[in-house]
C-alpha atoms as a PDB file:
ATOM      1  CA  MET A   1      -0.054   0.089  -0.055  1.00  0.00           C
ATOM      2  CA  ALA A   2       2.655   2.414   0.925  1.00  0.00           C
ATOM      3  CA  GLY A   3       4.481   1.296  -2.137  1.00  0.00           C
ATOM      4  CA  ALA A   4       1.747   2.186  -4.487  1.00  0.00           C
ATOM      5  CA  THR A   5       1.394   5.541  -2.619  1.00  0.00           C
ATOM      6  CA  LEU A   6       4.922   6.294  -3.183  1.00  0.00           C
ATOM      7  CA  SER A   7       4.556   5.447  -6.727  1.00  0.00           C
ATOM      8  CA  ALA A   8       1.472   7.621  -7.331  1.00  0.00           C
ATOM      9  CA  THR A   9       3.267  10.575  -5.695  1.00  0.00           C
ATOM     10  CA  THR A  10       6.536  10.106  -7.814  1.00  0.00           C
ATOM     11  CA  ALA A  11       4.476   9.834 -10.843  1.00  0.00           C
ATOM     12  CA  THR A  12       2.308  13.098 -10.016  1.00  0.00           C
ATOM     13  CA  GLY A  13       6.010  14.900  -9.356  1.00  0.00           C
ATOM     14  CA  ALA A  14       7.323  13.812 -12.662  1.00  0.00           C
ATOM     15  CA  ALA A  15       4.294  14.719 -14.517  1.00  0.00           C
ATOM     16  CA  GLN A  16       4.471  18.498 -12.873  1.00  0.00           C
ATOM     17  CA  ALA A  17       8.195  18.622 -13.553  1.00  0.00           C
ATOM     18  CA  GLN A  18       7.495  17.850 -17.259  1.00  0.00           C
ATOM     19  CA  ALA A  19       4.458  20.185 -17.191  1.00  0.00           C
ATOM     20  CA  ALA A  20       6.277  23.302 -16.099  1.00  0.00           C
ATOM     21  CA  PRO A  21       9.098  23.574 -19.044  1.00  0.00           C
ATOM     22  CA  GLN A  22       5.880  22.798 -21.596  1.00  0.00           C
ATOM     23  CA  GLN A  23       4.036  25.746 -19.819  1.00  0.00           C
ATOM     24  CA  ALA A  24       7.348  27.818 -20.014  1.00  0.00           C
ATOM     25  CA  THR A  25       7.587  26.981 -23.707  1.00  0.00           C
ATOM     26  CA  SER A  26       4.017  27.816 -24.431  1.00  0.00           C
ATOM     27  CA  PHE A  27       4.106  31.092 -22.676  1.00  0.00           C
ATOM     28  CA  THR A  28       7.419  31.985 -24.572  1.00  0.00           C
ATOM     29  CA  GLY A  29       5.706  31.278 -27.802  1.00  0.00           C
ATOM     30  CA  LYS A  30       2.926  33.281 -26.978  1.00  0.00           C
ATOM     31  CA  LEU A  31       5.070  36.258 -25.949  1.00  0.00           C
ATOM     32  CA  VAL A  32       7.019  35.990 -29.255  1.00  0.00           C
ATOM     33  CA  ILE A  33       3.711  36.392 -31.302  1.00  0.00           C
ATOM     34  CA  ILE A  34       2.267  39.140 -28.964  1.00  0.00           C
ATOM     35  CA  ILE A  35       5.269  41.697 -29.295  1.00  0.00           C
ATOM     36  CA  PRO A  36       5.188  42.215 -33.095  1.00  0.00           C
ATOM     37  CA  TYR A  37       1.347  42.606 -32.471  1.00  0.00           C
ATOM     38  CA  VAL A  38       1.928  45.295 -29.806  1.00  0.00           C
ATOM     39  CA  PHE A  39       4.541  46.957 -31.836  1.00  0.00           C
ATOM     40  CA  LEU A  40       2.153  47.253 -34.703  1.00  0.00           C
ATOM     41  CA  LEU A  41      -0.634  48.589 -32.460  1.00  0.00           C
ATOM     42  CA  PHE A  42       1.659  51.472 -31.054  1.00  0.00           C
ATOM     43  CA  PHE A  43       3.614  52.245 -34.184  1.00  0.00           C
ATOM     44  CA  PHE A  44       1.285  51.494 -37.172  1.00  0.00           C
ATOM     45  CA  LEU A  45      -2.176  51.513 -36.021  1.00  0.00           C
ATOM     46  CA  VAL A  46      -2.459  54.302 -33.224  1.00  0.00           C
ATOM     47  CA  PRO A  47      -0.439  56.770 -35.780  1.00  0.00           C
ATOM     48  CA  PHE A  48      -3.021  55.798 -38.522  1.00  0.00           C
ATOM     49  CA  PHE A  49      -6.091  56.392 -36.617  1.00  0.00           C
ATOM     50  CA  ILE A  50      -4.587  59.941 -35.365  1.00  0.00           C
ATOM     51  CA  VAL A  51      -3.739  60.708 -39.178  1.00  0.00           C
ATOM     52  CA  PHE A  52      -7.106  59.612 -40.273  1.00  0.00           C
ATOM     53  CA  LYS A  53      -9.059  61.539 -37.307  1.00  0.00           C
ATOM     54  CA  ILE A  54      -6.842  64.611 -38.459  1.00  0.00           C
ATOM     55  CA  SER A  55      -8.160  63.854 -42.238  1.00  0.00           C
ATOM     56  CA  LEU A  56     -11.814  64.202 -40.980  1.00  0.00           C
ATOM     57  CA  SER A  57     -11.021  67.646 -39.511  1.00  0.00           C
ATOM     58  CA  GLN A  58     -11.517  71.044 -40.898  1.00  0.00           C
ATOM     59  CA  THR A  59      -8.752  73.553 -41.584  1.00  0.00           C
ATOM     60  CA  ALA A  60      -8.332  76.305 -39.093  1.00  0.00           C
ATOM     61  CA  ILE A  61      -6.111  79.319 -38.408  1.00  0.00           C
ATOM     62  CA  ALA A  62      -4.875  77.926 -35.509  1.00  0.00           C
ATOM     63  CA  MET A  63      -2.499  75.676 -33.506  1.00  0.00           C
ATOM     64  CA  PRO A  64      -2.778  73.140 -34.637  1.00  0.00           C
ATOM     65  CA  PRO A  65      -4.184  74.193 -37.779  1.00  0.00           C
ATOM     66  CA  TYR A  66      -7.537  72.188 -37.688  1.00  0.00           C
ATOM     67  CA  THR A  67     -10.465  71.612 -35.699  1.00  0.00           C
ATOM     68  CA  PRO A  68     -10.579  68.455 -33.818  1.00  0.00           C
ATOM     69  CA  ALA A  69     -13.004  65.937 -35.373  1.00  0.00           C
ATOM     70  CA  PHE A  70     -13.416  64.241 -32.042  1.00  0.00           C
ATOM     71  CA  ASP A  71     -13.579  66.134 -28.832  1.00  0.00           C
ATOM     72  CA  PHE A  72     -14.064  63.855 -25.772  1.00  0.00           C
ATOM     73  CA  SER A  73     -14.590  66.652 -23.509  1.00  0.00           C
ATOM     74  CA  GLY A  74     -18.100  66.325 -24.357  1.00  0.00           C
ATOM     75  CA  GLY A  75     -18.481  62.690 -23.312  1.00  0.00           C
ATOM     76  CA  ILE A  76     -20.465  60.028 -24.959  1.00  0.00           C
ATOM     77  CA  SER A  77     -23.362  62.387 -26.121  1.00  0.00           C
ATOM     78  CA  GLY A  78     -20.873  64.678 -27.543  1.00  0.00           C
ATOM     79  CA  ILE A  79     -19.110  62.203 -29.520  1.00  0.00           C
ATOM     80  CA  ILE A  80     -22.502  60.938 -30.896  1.00  0.00           C
ATOM     81  CA  GLY A  81     -23.286  64.438 -32.001  1.00  0.00           C
ATOM     82  CA  GLN A  82     -19.902  64.664 -33.768  1.00  0.00           C
ATOM     83  CA  LEU A  83     -20.500  61.436 -35.384  1.00  0.00           C
ATOM     84  CA  LYS A  84     -23.481  62.719 -36.777  1.00  0.00           C
ATOM     85  CA  GLU A  85     -21.730  65.773 -38.356  1.00  0.00           C
ATOM     86  CA  LEU A  86     -18.740  63.884 -39.600  1.00  0.00           C
ATOM     87  CA  ASN A  87     -18.279  64.214 -43.379  1.00  0.00           C
ATOM     88  CA  PHE A  88     -15.543  63.295 -45.842  1.00  0.00           C
ATOM     89  CA  ASP A  89     -15.296  66.674 -47.723  1.00  0.00           C
ATOM     90  CA  ASN A  90     -11.178  66.224 -47.523  1.00  0.00           C
ATOM     91  CA  TYR A  91     -11.653  62.977 -49.582  1.00  0.00           C
ATOM     92  CA  VAL A  92     -14.378  64.254 -51.853  1.00  0.00           C
ATOM     93  CA  PHE A  93     -11.942  67.133 -52.414  1.00  0.00           C
ATOM     94  CA  LEU A  94      -8.822  65.013 -53.674  1.00  0.00           C
ATOM     95  CA  THR A  95     -11.401  63.168 -56.096  1.00  0.00           C
ATOM     96  CA  GLU A  96     -12.237  66.548 -57.572  1.00  0.00           C
ATOM     97  CA  ASP A  97      -8.854  68.127 -57.846  1.00  0.00           C
ATOM     98  CA  PRO A  98      -6.704  66.578 -61.007  1.00  0.00           C
ATOM     99  CA  LEU A  99      -3.546  67.573 -58.884  1.00  0.00           C
ATOM    100  CA  TYR A 100      -3.897  64.660 -56.476  1.00  0.00           C
ATOM    101  CA  ILE A 101      -5.208  62.346 -59.144  1.00  0.00           C
ATOM    102  CA  ASN A 102      -2.344  63.097 -61.567  1.00  0.00           C
ATOM    103  CA  ALA A 103       0.025  62.851 -58.378  1.00  0.00           C
ATOM    104  CA  TYR A 104      -1.092  59.533 -57.601  1.00  0.00           C
ATOM    105  CA  LEU A 105      -0.932  58.215 -61.115  1.00  0.00           C
ATOM    106  CA  THR A 106       2.334  59.431 -61.729  1.00  0.00           C
ATOM    107  CA  SER A 107       3.770  57.952 -58.445  1.00  0.00           C
ATOM    108  CA  VAL A 108       2.371  54.713 -59.427  1.00  0.00           C
ATOM    109  CA  ILE A 109       3.633  54.637 -62.821  1.00  0.00           C
ATOM    110  CA  VAL A 110       7.203  56.036 -61.613  1.00  0.00           C
ATOM    111  CA  ALA A 111       7.326  53.355 -59.143  1.00  0.00           C
ATOM    112  CA  GLY A 112       6.041  50.690 -61.694  1.00  0.00           C
ATOM    113  CA  ILE A 113       8.856  51.391 -64.138  1.00  0.00           C
ATOM    114  CA  SER A 114      11.251  51.581 -61.687  1.00  0.00           C
ATOM    115  CA  THR A 115      10.369  48.533 -59.959  1.00  0.00           C
ATOM    116  CA  LEU A 116      10.482  46.851 -63.737  1.00  0.00           C
ATOM    117  CA  LEU A 117      14.231  48.483 -64.116  1.00  0.00           C
ATOM    118  CA  THR A 118      15.278  47.375 -60.768  1.00  0.00           C
ATOM    119  CA  LEU A 119      14.344  44.034 -61.509  1.00  0.00           C
ATOM    120  CA  LEU A 120      15.991  44.042 -64.936  1.00  0.00           C
ATOM    121  CA  VAL A 121      19.313  45.132 -63.386  1.00  0.00           C
ATOM    122  CA  GLY A 122      18.983  43.116 -60.340  1.00  0.00           C
ATOM    123  CA  TYR A 123      18.308  39.833 -61.618  1.00  0.00           C
ATOM    124  CA  PRO A 124      21.447  39.258 -63.418  1.00  0.00           C
ATOM    125  CA  ILE A 125      23.256  40.481 -60.472  1.00  0.00           C
ATOM    126  CA  ALA A 126      21.563  37.992 -57.958  1.00  0.00           C
ATOM    127  CA  TYR A 127      21.953  35.289 -60.496  1.00  0.00           C
ATOM    128  CA  GLY A 128      25.757  35.730 -60.928  1.00  0.00           C
ATOM    129  CA  MET A 129      25.898  35.797 -57.186  1.00  0.00           C
ATOM    130  CA  ALA A 130      24.054  32.573 -56.713  1.00  0.00           C
ATOM    131  CA  ARG A 131      26.028  30.812 -59.188  1.00  0.00           C
ATOM    132  CA  ALA A 132      29.152  32.294 -57.974  1.00  0.00           C
ATOM    133  CA  PRO A 133      31.716  29.937 -56.145  1.00  0.00           C
ATOM    134  CA  ALA A 134      30.626  29.570 -52.133  1.00  0.00           C
ATOM    135  CA  THR A 135      34.170  31.334 -51.187  1.00  0.00           C
ATOM    136  CA  LEU A 136      33.227  34.219 -52.948  1.00  0.00           C
ATOM    137  CA  ARG A 137      29.460  34.677 -52.064  1.00  0.00           C
ATOM    138  CA  PRO A 138      30.022  36.701 -48.661  1.00  0.00           C
ATOM    139  CA  THR A 139      32.192  39.153 -50.369  1.00  0.00           C
ATOM    140  CA  LEU A 140      29.447  39.621 -53.243  1.00  0.00           C
ATOM    141  CA  LEU A 141      26.954  39.965 -50.507  1.00  0.00           C
ATOM    142  CA  MET A 142      28.853  42.318 -48.613  1.00  0.00           C
ATOM    143  CA  LEU A 143      29.392  44.416 -52.143  1.00  0.00           C
ATOM    144  CA  VAL A 144      25.625  44.703 -52.331  1.00  0.00           C
ATOM    145  CA  ILE A 145      25.196  45.696 -48.831  1.00  0.00           C
ATOM    146  CA  LEU A 146      28.114  48.166 -48.842  1.00  0.00           C
ATOM    147  CA  PRO A 147      26.003  51.253 -49.928  1.00  0.00           C
ATOM    148  CA  PHE A 148      23.977  51.098 -46.968  1.00  0.00           C
ATOM    149  CA  TRP A 149      26.849  52.048 -44.868  1.00  0.00           C
ATOM    150  CA  THR A 150      26.585  55.479 -46.521  1.00  0.00           C
ATOM    151  CA  SER A 151      23.879  58.167 -45.825  1.00  0.00           C
ATOM    152  CA  PHE A 152      20.933  57.926 -48.254  1.00  0.00           C
ATOM    153  CA  LEU A 153      20.867  61.461 -48.780  1.00  0.00           C
ATOM    154  CA  ILE A 154      24.771  61.981 -49.477  1.00  0.00           C
ATOM    155  CA  ARG A 155      24.497  59.189 -52.070  1.00  0.00           C
ATOM    156  CA  VAL A 156      21.572  61.026 -53.698  1.00  0.00           C
ATOM    157  CA  TYR A 157      23.622  64.318 -53.634  1.00  0.00           C
ATOM    158  CA  ALA A 158      26.340  62.432 -55.579  1.00  0.00           C
ATOM    159  CA  TRP A 159      24.156  61.698 -58.489  1.00  0.00           C
ATOM    160  CA  ILE A 160      23.433  65.528 -58.887  1.00  0.00           C
ATOM    161  CA  GLY A 161      27.230  65.875 -59.167  1.00  0.00           C
ATOM    162  CA  ILE A 162      27.239  62.874 -61.847  1.00  0.00           C
ATOM    163  CA  LEU A 163      24.243  64.044 -63.840  1.00  0.00           C
ATOM    164  CA  LYS A 164      24.212  67.688 -63.916  1.00  0.00           C
ATOM    165  CA  PRO A 165      25.306  69.200 -67.290  1.00  0.00           C
ATOM    166  CA  GLU A 166      28.845  69.781 -66.245  1.00  0.00           C
ATOM    167  CA  GLY A 167      28.925  66.754 -64.152  1.00  0.00           C
ATOM    168  CA  LEU A 168      30.891  63.504 -64.296  1.00  0.00           C
ATOM    169  CA  LEU A 169      28.794  61.722 -66.859  1.00  0.00           C
ATOM    170  CA  ASN A 170      28.711  64.533 -69.467  1.00  0.00           C
ATOM    171  CA  GLN A 171      32.332  65.267 -69.305  1.00  0.00           C
ATOM    172  CA  LEU A 172      33.188  61.609 -69.578  1.00  0.00           C
ATOM    173  CA  LEU A 173      31.009  61.465 -72.845  1.00  0.00           C
ATOM    174  CA  LEU A 174      32.244  64.790 -74.062  1.00  0.00           C
ATOM    175  CA  SER A 175      36.013  63.647 -73.634  1.00  0.00           C
ATOM    176  CA  THR A 176      35.282  60.567 -75.681  1.00  0.00           C
ATOM    177  CA  GLY A 177      33.360  62.083 -78.631  1.00  0.00           C
ATOM    178  CA  ILE A 178      30.160  60.174 -77.850  1.00  0.00           C
ATOM    179  CA  ILE A 179      28.312  63.397 -77.573  1.00  0.00           C
ATOM    180  CA  SER A 180      29.116  66.794 -78.611  1.00  0.00           C
ATOM    181  CA  GLU A 181      26.815  68.762 -76.240  1.00  0.00           C
ATOM    182  CA  PRO A 182      26.230  67.971 -72.797  1.00  0.00           C
ATOM    183  CA  LEU A 183      22.956  65.718 -72.039  1.00  0.00           C
ATOM    184  CA  ILE A 184      20.040  67.125 -69.974  1.00  0.00           C
ATOM    185  CA  ILE A 185      19.301  64.580 -67.532  1.00  0.00           C
ATOM    186  CA  LEU A 186      19.057  66.216 -64.141  1.00  0.00           C
ATOM    187  CA  ASN A 187      15.752  67.510 -63.063  1.00  0.00           C
ATOM    188  CA  THR A 188      13.965  64.930 -65.457  1.00  0.00           C
ATOM    189  CA  TYR A 189      12.396  61.833 -64.768  1.00  0.00           C
ATOM    190  CA  THR A 190      15.248  59.759 -66.051  1.00  0.00           C
ATOM    191  CA  ALA A 191      17.010  61.123 -63.341  1.00  0.00           C
ATOM    192  CA  ILE A 192      14.335  59.839 -60.910  1.00  0.00           C
ATOM    193  CA  PHE A 193      14.489  56.454 -62.465  1.00  0.00           C
ATOM    194  CA  ILE A 194      18.318  56.284 -62.019  1.00  0.00           C
ATOM    195  CA  GLY A 195      18.142  57.570 -58.321  1.00  0.00           C
ATOM    196  CA  ILE A 196      15.380  54.861 -57.549  1.00  0.00           C
ATOM    197  CA  VAL A 197      16.887  52.023 -59.420  1.00  0.00           C
ATOM    198  CA  TYR A 198      20.501  52.978 -57.848  1.00  0.00           C
ATOM    199  CA  SER A 199      19.048  53.424 -54.212  1.00  0.00           C
ATOM    200  CA  TYR A 200      16.703  50.468 -54.260  1.00  0.00           C
ATOM    201  CA  LEU A 201      18.633  47.769 -56.048  1.00  0.00           C
ATOM    202  CA  PRO A 202      19.944  45.982 -52.791  1.00  0.00           C
ATOM    203  CA  PHE A 203      16.267  45.587 -51.992  1.00  0.00           C
ATOM    204  CA  MET A 204      15.820  43.867 -55.180  1.00  0.00           C
ATOM    205  CA  VAL A 205      19.094  41.741 -55.285  1.00  0.00           C
ATOM    206  CA  LEU A 206      19.052  40.363 -51.844  1.00  0.00           C
ATOM    207  CA  PRO A 207      15.294  38.468 -52.057  1.00  0.00           C
ATOM    208  CA  LEU A 208      16.428  37.431 -55.431  1.00  0.00           C
ATOM    209  CA  TYR A 209      19.506  35.882 -54.402  1.00  0.00           C
ATOM    210  CA  SER A 210      17.945  34.278 -51.355  1.00  0.00           C
ATOM    211  CA  ALA A 211      15.389  32.632 -53.741  1.00  0.00           C
ATOM    212  CA  LEU A 212      18.093  31.499 -56.277  1.00  0.00           C
ATOM    213  CA  GLU A 213      20.818  30.111 -53.986  1.00  0.00           C
ATOM    214  CA  LYS A 214      18.366  27.638 -52.474  1.00  0.00           C
ATOM    215  CA  MET A 215      17.525  26.658 -55.936  1.00  0.00           C
ATOM    216  CA  ASP A 216      18.493  23.150 -57.004  1.00  0.00           C
ATOM    217  CA  TYR A 217      20.466  23.630 -60.148  1.00  0.00           C
ATOM    218  CA  SER A 218      20.716  20.083 -61.008  1.00  0.00           C
ATOM    219  CA  LEU A 219      17.115  20.582 -62.667  1.00  0.00           C
ATOM    220  CA  VAL A 220      18.597  22.755 -65.088  1.00  0.00           C
ATOM    221  CA  GLU A 221      21.443  20.658 -65.799  1.00  0.00           C
ATOM    222  CA  ALA A 222      19.091  17.686 -66.506  1.00  0.00           C
ATOM    223  CA  ALA A 223      17.077  19.846 -68.683  1.00  0.00           C
ATOM    224  CA  GLN A 224      20.027  20.735 -70.679  1.00  0.00           C
ATOM    225  CA  ASP A 225      21.055  17.008 -70.804  1.00  0.00           C
ATOM    226  CA  LEU A 226      17.727  16.399 -72.472  1.00  0.00           C
ATOM    227  CA  GLY A 227      18.513  18.730 -75.400  1.00  0.00           C
ATOM    228  CA  CYS A 228      16.753  21.847 -73.541  1.00  0.00           C
ATOM    229  CA  PRO A 229      18.578  25.098 -74.579  1.00  0.00           C
ATOM    230  CA  PRO A 230      19.881  27.291 -71.789  1.00  0.00           C
ATOM    231  CA  ILE A 231      17.249  30.174 -72.556  1.00  0.00           C
ATOM    232  CA  THR A 232      14.317  27.795 -72.584  1.00  0.00           C
ATOM    233  CA  ALA A 233      15.593  25.981 -69.377  1.00  0.00           C
ATOM    234  CA  PHE A 234      15.929  29.355 -67.908  1.00  0.00           C
ATOM    235  CA  TRP A 235      12.242  30.465 -68.394  1.00  0.00           C
ATOM    236  CA  LYS A 236      10.774  27.130 -67.829  1.00  0.00           C
ATOM    237  CA  ILE A 237      13.020  26.099 -64.550  1.00  0.00           C
ATOM    238  CA  THR A 238      14.914  28.950 -62.989  1.00  0.00           C
ATOM    239  CA  PHE A 239      12.736  32.012 -63.506  1.00  0.00           C
ATOM    240  CA  PRO A 240       9.337  30.187 -62.053  1.00  0.00           C
ATOM    241  CA  MET A 241      11.464  28.930 -59.018  1.00  0.00           C
ATOM    242  CA  SER A 242      12.838  32.373 -58.351  1.00  0.00           C
ATOM    243  CA  LEU A 243       9.151  34.174 -58.403  1.00  0.00           C
ATOM    244  CA  PRO A 244       9.202  34.194 -54.697  1.00  0.00           C
ATOM    245  CA  GLY A 245      12.018  36.212 -54.725  1.00  0.00           C
ATOM    246  CA  VAL A 246      10.799  38.491 -57.745  1.00  0.00           C
ATOM    247  CA  LEU A 247       7.492  39.220 -55.694  1.00  0.00           C
ATOM    248  CA  ALA A 248       9.464  40.078 -52.583  1.00  0.00           C
ATOM    249  CA  GLY A 249      11.937  42.249 -54.176  1.00  0.00           C
ATOM    250  CA  SER A 250       9.359  43.992 -56.307  1.00  0.00           C
ATOM    251  CA  LEU A 251       7.134  44.864 -53.466  1.00  0.00           C
ATOM    252  CA  LEU A 252      10.100  46.109 -51.509  1.00  0.00           C
ATOM    253  CA  VAL A 253      11.102  48.535 -54.502  1.00  0.00           C
ATOM    254  CA  PHE A 254       7.777  49.633 -55.271  1.00  0.00           C
ATOM    255  CA  ILE A 255       6.033  50.318 -51.924  1.00  0.00           C
ATOM    256  CA  PRO A 256       8.485  53.016 -50.664  1.00  0.00           C
ATOM    257  CA  ALA A 257       9.008  54.278 -54.625  1.00  0.00           C
ATOM    258  CA  VAL A 258       5.348  55.040 -54.599  1.00  0.00           C
ATOM    259  CA  GLY A 259       5.632  57.498 -51.789  1.00  0.00           C
ATOM    260  CA  GLU A 260       9.412  58.877 -52.392  1.00  0.00           C
ATOM    261  CA  PHE A 261      10.138  62.280 -51.538  1.00  0.00           C
ATOM    262  CA  VAL A 262      13.944  62.573 -51.595  1.00  0.00           C
ATOM    263  CA  ILE A 263      14.878  61.584 -55.069  1.00  0.00           C
ATOM    264  CA  PRO A 264      11.828  63.266 -56.756  1.00  0.00           C
ATOM    265  CA  ASP A 265      12.898  66.385 -55.150  1.00  0.00           C
ATOM    266  CA  LEU A 266      16.345  66.339 -55.708  1.00  0.00           C
ATOM    267  CA  LEU A 267      16.903  64.752 -59.076  1.00  0.00           C
ATOM    268  CA  GLY A 268      13.260  65.282 -60.718  1.00  0.00           C
ATOM    269  CA  GLY A 269      13.229  69.363 -59.564  1.00  0.00           C
ATOM    270  CA  SER A 270      10.591  71.482 -58.818  1.00  0.00           C
ATOM    271  CA  GLN A 271       8.379  70.427 -61.525  1.00  0.00           C
ATOM    272  CA  THR A 272       8.023  66.727 -60.723  1.00  0.00           C
ATOM    273  CA  LEU A 273       4.730  65.682 -59.646  1.00  0.00           C
ATOM    274  CA  MET A 274       4.598  62.934 -57.269  1.00  0.00           C
ATOM    275  CA  ILE A 275       2.684  62.280 -54.238  1.00  0.00           C
ATOM    276  CA  GLY A 276       5.329  62.327 -51.677  1.00  0.00           C
ATOM    277  CA  ARG A 277       6.285  65.853 -52.769  1.00  0.00           C
ATOM    278  CA  THR A 278       2.239  66.784 -52.890  1.00  0.00           C
ATOM    279  CA  LEU A 279       2.076  65.470 -49.432  1.00  0.00           C
ATOM    280  CA  TRP A 280       5.034  67.634 -48.062  1.00  0.00           C
ATOM    281  CA  ASN A 281       3.797  70.647 -49.840  1.00  0.00           C
ATOM    282  CA  GLU A 282       0.277  70.339 -48.239  1.00  0.00           C
ATOM    283  CA  PHE A 283       1.738  69.800 -44.508  1.00  0.00           C
ATOM    284  CA  ASN A 284       4.578  72.385 -44.844  1.00  0.00           C
ATOM    285  CA  ALA A 285       3.767  75.171 -47.298  1.00  0.00           C
ATOM    286  CA  ASN A 286       0.161  75.227 -47.434  1.00  0.00           C
ATOM    287  CA  ARG A 287      -0.369  74.042 -43.616  1.00  0.00           C
ATOM    288  CA  ASP A 288      -3.697  72.198 -44.881  1.00  0.00           C
ATOM    289  CA  TRP A 289      -3.495  69.211 -42.356  1.00  0.00           C
ATOM    290  CA  PRO A 290      -6.817  67.869 -42.933  1.00  0.00           C
ATOM    291  CA  VAL A 291      -6.301  67.411 -46.595  1.00  0.00           C
ATOM    292  CA  SER A 292      -2.797  66.227 -46.409  1.00  0.00           C
ATOM    293  CA  SER A 293      -3.683  63.551 -43.977  1.00  0.00           C
ATOM    294  CA  ALA A 294      -6.264  62.538 -46.433  1.00  0.00           C
ATOM    295  CA  VAL A 295      -3.546  62.317 -49.047  1.00  0.00           C
ATOM    296  CA  ALA A 296      -1.505  60.046 -46.634  1.00  0.00           C
ATOM    297  CA  VAL A 297      -4.446  57.821 -45.713  1.00  0.00           C
ATOM    298  CA  LEU A 298      -5.523  57.418 -49.389  1.00  0.00           C
ATOM    299  CA  LEU A 299      -1.532  56.738 -50.198  1.00  0.00           C
ATOM    300  CA  LEU A 300      -1.596  54.212 -47.513  1.00  0.00           C
ATOM    301  CA  LEU A 301      -4.450  52.630 -49.233  1.00  0.00           C
ATOM    302  CA  VAL A 302      -2.721  52.749 -52.280  1.00  0.00           C
ATOM    303  CA  LEU A 303       0.366  50.684 -50.924  1.00  0.00           C
ATOM    304  CA  ILE A 304      -1.810  48.049 -49.220  1.00  0.00           C
ATOM    305  CA  VAL A 305      -3.450  46.724 -52.467  1.00  0.00           C
ATOM    306  CA  PRO A 306      -0.040  45.040 -53.740  1.00  0.00           C
ATOM    307  CA  ILE A 307       0.592  43.686 -50.346  1.00  0.00           C
ATOM    308  CA  VAL A 308      -2.797  42.042 -50.284  1.00  0.00           C
ATOM    309  CA  ILE A 309      -2.361  40.855 -53.575  1.00  0.00           C
ATOM    310  CA  PHE A 310       1.217  39.330 -52.914  1.00  0.00           C
ATOM    311  CA  GLN A 311      -0.322  37.359 -49.507  1.00  0.00           C
ATOM    312  CA  HIS A 312      -3.137  36.023 -51.868  1.00  0.00           C
ATOM    313  CA  ALA A 313      -0.396  34.885 -54.377  1.00  0.00           C
ATOM    314  CA  GLN A 314       1.422  33.223 -51.388  1.00  0.00           C
ATOM    315  CA  ALA A 315      -1.319  31.331 -50.136  1.00  0.00           C
ATOM    316  CA  ARG A 316      -2.076  29.991 -53.403  1.00  0.00           C
ATOM    317  CA  ALA A 317       1.185  28.876 -53.868  1.00  0.00           C
ATOM    318  CA  GLN A 318       1.256  27.351 -50.546  1.00  0.00           C
ATOM    319  CA  GLU A 319      -2.270  25.794 -51.295  1.00  0.00           C
ATOM    320  CA  GLN A 320      -0.796  24.142 -54.485  1.00  0.00           C
ATOM    321  CA  GLY A 321       2.280  22.988 -53.016  1.00  0.00           C
ATOM    322  CA  ARG A 322       0.571  20.988 -50.768  1.00  0.00           C
END
């Protein structure tokens, strides 16, 4: 009887000792999941709702330069009354003014073309890095990341010295006799494309390199042994297997390029019409915070669309993989 009691006590103690690490692991797992959500709550959702609240306000000559849309000092009844009087005049104004519509369209077009150019430049670089000897890959990877060690603003200013009429590029072309008069590149959309491609190229190369490095190149060799030309093998095997890297890199370039302000302002000149510059003018020059907040909210919605499409494509790819 005593032996049975001792065995039961020992088993209970062992079960409790085994359950303690499991509970600790479960708590750690939940904590790892909770922390990113708390971060998003305080640094994304809360600022977004503040901007959205300002976008529903009206401009006023005051500090801050708008009338609050929600005044919590009036209690529940006051908030209900304000909700009844709520309007979306600022958003309607954006749809009626061609300036903002053209700025959005231009930004999306410039970002799309820049993303395509970055892909065309970055794919051969990533492919060459993935096929390079294993001992050389860390050095090549460091060379891709190396520009991040220099200030982004300084690198953009450097392109002004390269692209201006008396800059390094024109001096080189004139000295070699390729051109007879300086090219006008600065303060054009060509300069914006050059600046965006140069600045965001690592964001395209790194995801592509990650996807291409994991690829099984024996499939390409087998296809070539069966008589498949190298170009056909690339389009039927290599490129489809690198599509996750292509999509990830394209999003990493397209999303910040849509709202880019520094590159269009410094390389594109004052006549450049992009939504980032329009947003800056509304906030700082016109002091129209409600309209500029509405511009920011719509810009965020424009950027969310490609993210949703990417997640949908990833979910479909995972379902097909199963």
